[in-house]
Amino acid sequence: MTLALRGIADLRWVVAYWPDLLDSRLHGTPAPWRRPELSAEQREERDHDAWLERLERSEFAVGAAPAPVRVPVLDTLTDLLADAVDLADELAVAVGCPELPPPSIGLADPRP
């Protein structure tokens, strides 16, 4: 498979799965979950840590809160966008057209 064909296949994959990736970045979207395989010692340590955390809490303490999005999915989206920008830059050089300006950080949006 040539590099061009591989690139086309990869881009088709991104086009096909981009909406699913965008949806899955938000909490409330069903995601596969596997129960962790913990040994008795690991379970005991986890339970002890949770017990200590509950002792340290008060009504005024700031607690840990989950991220508003699924971070691994957001990382995947960011990697895909960065790779797409790199590909666009390489194609611009190859075909002799001007490179696209980089997106503004304040206006960056992971949606195409």
C-alpha atoms as a PDB file:
ATOM      1  CA  MET A   1       0.000   0.000   0.000  1.00  0.00           C
ATOM      2  CA  THR A   2       1.448   3.338  -1.003  1.00  0.00           C
ATOM      3  CA  LEU A   3       1.686   6.249   1.380  1.00  0.00           C
ATOM      4  CA  ALA A   4      -1.041   8.100  -0.530  1.00  0.00           C
ATOM      5  CA  LEU A   5      -3.436   5.145  -0.307  1.00  0.00           C
ATOM      6  CA  ARG A   6      -2.700   4.752   3.386  1.00  0.00           C
ATOM      7  CA  GLY A   7      -3.353   8.456   3.929  1.00  0.00           C
ATOM      8  CA  ILE A   8      -6.649   8.219   2.042  1.00  0.00           C
ATOM      9  CA  ALA A   9      -7.700   5.187   4.087  1.00  0.00           C
ATOM     10  CA  ASP A  10      -6.797   6.979   7.329  1.00  0.00           C
ATOM     11  CA  LEU A  11      -8.732  10.082   6.321  1.00  0.00           C
ATOM     12  CA  ARG A  12     -11.767   7.982   5.420  1.00  0.00           C
ATOM     13  CA  TRP A  13     -11.584   6.394   8.870  1.00  0.00           C
ATOM     14  CA  VAL A  14     -11.439   9.832  10.496  1.00  0.00           C
ATOM     15  CA  VAL A  15     -14.418  11.054   8.437  1.00  0.00           C
ATOM     16  CA  ALA A  16     -16.429   7.939   9.334  1.00  0.00           C
ATOM     17  CA  TYR A  17     -15.710   8.004  13.082  1.00  0.00           C
ATOM     18  CA  TRP A  18     -15.345  11.745  13.791  1.00  0.00           C
ATOM     19  CA  PRO A  19     -19.002  12.216  14.892  1.00  0.00           C
ATOM     20  CA  ASP A  20     -18.715   9.237  17.248  1.00  0.00           C
ATOM     21  CA  LEU A  21     -15.482  10.623  18.710  1.00  0.00           C
ATOM     22  CA  LEU A  22     -17.103  14.006  19.274  1.00  0.00           C
ATOM     23  CA  ASP A  23     -20.084  12.418  21.003  1.00  0.00           C
ATOM     24  CA  SER A  24     -17.968  10.110  23.141  1.00  0.00           C
ATOM     25  CA  ARG A  25     -15.899  12.969  24.588  1.00  0.00           C
ATOM     26  CA  LEU A  26     -18.882  14.034  26.707  1.00  0.00           C
ATOM     27  CA  HIS A  27     -19.903  12.327  29.910  1.00  0.00           C
ATOM     28  CA  GLY A  28     -23.214  10.536  29.709  1.00  0.00           C
ATOM     29  CA  THR A  29     -22.270   8.876  26.444  1.00  0.00           C
ATOM     30  CA  PRO A  30     -22.108   5.115  26.908  1.00  0.00           C
ATOM     31  CA  ALA A  31     -18.551   3.847  26.862  1.00  0.00           C
ATOM     32  CA  PRO A  32     -17.124   0.378  27.248  1.00  0.00           C
ATOM     33  CA  TRP A  33     -16.133  -0.345  30.813  1.00  0.00           C
ATOM     34  CA  ARG A  34     -14.062  -3.161  32.199  1.00  0.00           C
ATOM     35  CA  ARG A  35     -14.014  -4.049  35.850  1.00  0.00           C
ATOM     36  CA  PRO A  36     -10.427  -3.715  37.084  1.00  0.00           C
ATOM     37  CA  GLU A  37      -8.785  -6.935  38.191  1.00  0.00           C
ATOM     38  CA  LEU A  38      -7.526  -6.061  41.685  1.00  0.00           C
ATOM     39  CA  SER A  39      -5.793  -8.329  44.112  1.00  0.00           C
ATOM     40  CA  ALA A  40      -6.960  -8.460  47.738  1.00  0.00           C
ATOM     41  CA  GLU A  41      -4.044  -6.216  48.743  1.00  0.00           C
ATOM     42  CA  GLN A  42      -4.867  -3.661  46.037  1.00  0.00           C
ATOM     43  CA  ARG A  43      -8.528  -3.594  47.091  1.00  0.00           C
ATOM     44  CA  GLU A  44      -7.542  -3.143  50.730  1.00  0.00           C
ATOM     45  CA  GLU A  45      -5.182  -0.284  49.842  1.00  0.00           C
ATOM     46  CA  ARG A  46      -7.838   1.392  47.675  1.00  0.00           C
ATOM     47  CA  ASP A  47     -10.422   1.096  50.451  1.00  0.00           C
ATOM     48  CA  HIS A  48      -7.984   2.488  53.012  1.00  0.00           C
ATOM     49  CA  ASP A  49      -7.168   5.460  50.753  1.00  0.00           C
ATOM     50  CA  ALA A  50     -10.886   6.158  50.296  1.00  0.00           C
ATOM     51  CA  TRP A  51     -11.403   5.951  54.069  1.00  0.00           C
ATOM     52  CA  LEU A  52      -8.568   8.467  54.655  1.00  0.00           C
ATOM     53  CA  GLU A  53      -9.985  10.788  52.018  1.00  0.00           C
ATOM     54  CA  ARG A  54     -13.394  10.751  53.701  1.00  0.00           C
ATOM     55  CA  LEU A  55     -11.750  11.652  57.042  1.00  0.00           C
ATOM     56  CA  GLU A  56     -10.022  14.662  55.467  1.00  0.00           C
ATOM     57  CA  ARG A  57     -13.193  16.045  53.920  1.00  0.00           C
ATOM     58  CA  SER A  58     -15.261  18.739  55.472  1.00  0.00           C
ATOM     59  CA  GLU A  59     -18.083  20.876  54.169  1.00  0.00           C
ATOM     60  CA  PHE A  60     -15.525  23.584  53.321  1.00  0.00           C
ATOM     61  CA  ALA A  61     -12.912  21.383  51.679  1.00  0.00           C
ATOM     62  CA  VAL A  62     -12.453  21.502  47.959  1.00  0.00           C
ATOM     63  CA  GLY A  63     -12.797  17.989  46.624  1.00  0.00           C
ATOM     64  CA  ALA A  64     -11.585  16.413  43.453  1.00  0.00           C
ATOM     65  CA  ALA A  65     -14.086  16.657  40.644  1.00  0.00           C
ATOM     66  CA  PRO A  66     -14.160  14.611  37.476  1.00  0.00           C
ATOM     67  CA  ALA A  67     -13.202  16.316  34.231  1.00  0.00           C
ATOM     68  CA  PRO A  68     -16.209  17.621  32.280  1.00  0.00           C
ATOM     69  CA  VAL A  69     -15.054  15.588  29.276  1.00  0.00           C
ATOM     70  CA  ARG A  70     -13.346  12.264  28.754  1.00  0.00           C
ATOM     71  CA  VAL A  71      -9.700  13.284  28.610  1.00  0.00           C
ATOM     72  CA  PRO A  72      -8.416  10.289  26.579  1.00  0.00           C
ATOM     73  CA  VAL A  73     -11.005  10.980  23.867  1.00  0.00           C
ATOM     74  CA  LEU A  74     -10.106  14.667  23.859  1.00  0.00           C
ATOM     75  CA  ASP A  75      -6.429  13.706  23.520  1.00  0.00           C
ATOM     76  CA  THR A  76      -7.293  11.504  20.525  1.00  0.00           C
ATOM     77  CA  LEU A  77      -9.220  14.357  18.885  1.00  0.00           C
ATOM     78  CA  THR A  78      -6.309  16.728  19.462  1.00  0.00           C
ATOM     79  CA  ASP A  79      -3.813  14.234  18.021  1.00  0.00           C
ATOM     80  CA  LEU A  80      -5.984  13.744  14.942  1.00  0.00           C
ATOM     81  CA  LEU A  81      -6.275  17.476  14.383  1.00  0.00           C
ATOM     82  CA  ALA A  82      -2.532  18.002  14.824  1.00  0.00           C
ATOM     83  CA  ASP A  83      -1.809  15.208  12.340  1.00  0.00           C
ATOM     84  CA  ALA A  84      -4.308  16.720   9.888  1.00  0.00           C
ATOM     85  CA  VAL A  85      -2.544  20.098  10.101  1.00  0.00           C
ATOM     86  CA  ASP A  86       0.827  18.415   9.524  1.00  0.00           C
ATOM     87  CA  LEU A  87      -0.585  16.548   6.529  1.00  0.00           C
ATOM     88  CA  ALA A  88      -2.070  19.761   5.105  1.00  0.00           C
ATOM     89  CA  ASP A  89       1.322  21.479   5.452  1.00  0.00           C
ATOM     90  CA  GLU A  90       3.126  18.635   3.676  1.00  0.00           C
ATOM     91  CA  LEU A  91       0.531  18.566   0.893  1.00  0.00           C
ATOM     92  CA  ALA A  92       0.761  22.332   0.451  1.00  0.00           C
ATOM     93  CA  VAL A  93       4.504  22.070  -0.082  1.00  0.00           C
ATOM     94  CA  ALA A  94       4.101  19.112  -2.462  1.00  0.00           C
ATOM     95  CA  VAL A  95       1.523  20.822  -4.685  1.00  0.00           C
ATOM     96  CA  GLY A  96       2.980  24.317  -4.403  1.00  0.00           C
ATOM     97  CA  CYS A  97       0.118  26.148  -2.732  1.00  0.00           C
ATOM     98  CA  PRO A  98       0.353  28.375   0.343  1.00  0.00           C
ATOM     99  CA  GLU A  99       0.185  26.719   3.743  1.00  0.00           C
ATOM    100  CA  LEU A 100      -2.871  27.337   5.900  1.00  0.00           C
ATOM    101  CA  PRO A 101      -2.339  29.651   8.866  1.00  0.00           C
ATOM    102  CA  PRO A 102      -2.423  27.885  12.245  1.00  0.00           C
ATOM    103  CA  PRO A 103      -5.730  28.081  14.133  1.00  0.00           C
ATOM    104  CA  SER A 104      -6.095  30.606  16.894  1.00  0.00           C
ATOM    105  CA  ILE A 105      -5.994  28.991  20.319  1.00  0.00           C
ATOM    106  CA  GLY A 106      -8.961  31.024  21.534  1.00  0.00           C
ATOM    107  CA  LEU A 107     -11.100  30.029  18.588  1.00  0.00           C
ATOM    108  CA  ALA A 108      -9.958  26.413  18.311  1.00  0.00           C
ATOM    109  CA  ASP A 109     -12.892  24.029  17.964  1.00  0.00           C
ATOM    110  CA  PRO A 110     -12.471  20.251  17.575  1.00  0.00           C
ATOM    111  CA  ARG A 111     -15.433  20.056  15.233  1.00  0.00           C
ATOM    112  CA  PRO A 112     -14.701  20.061  11.508  1.00  0.00           C
END
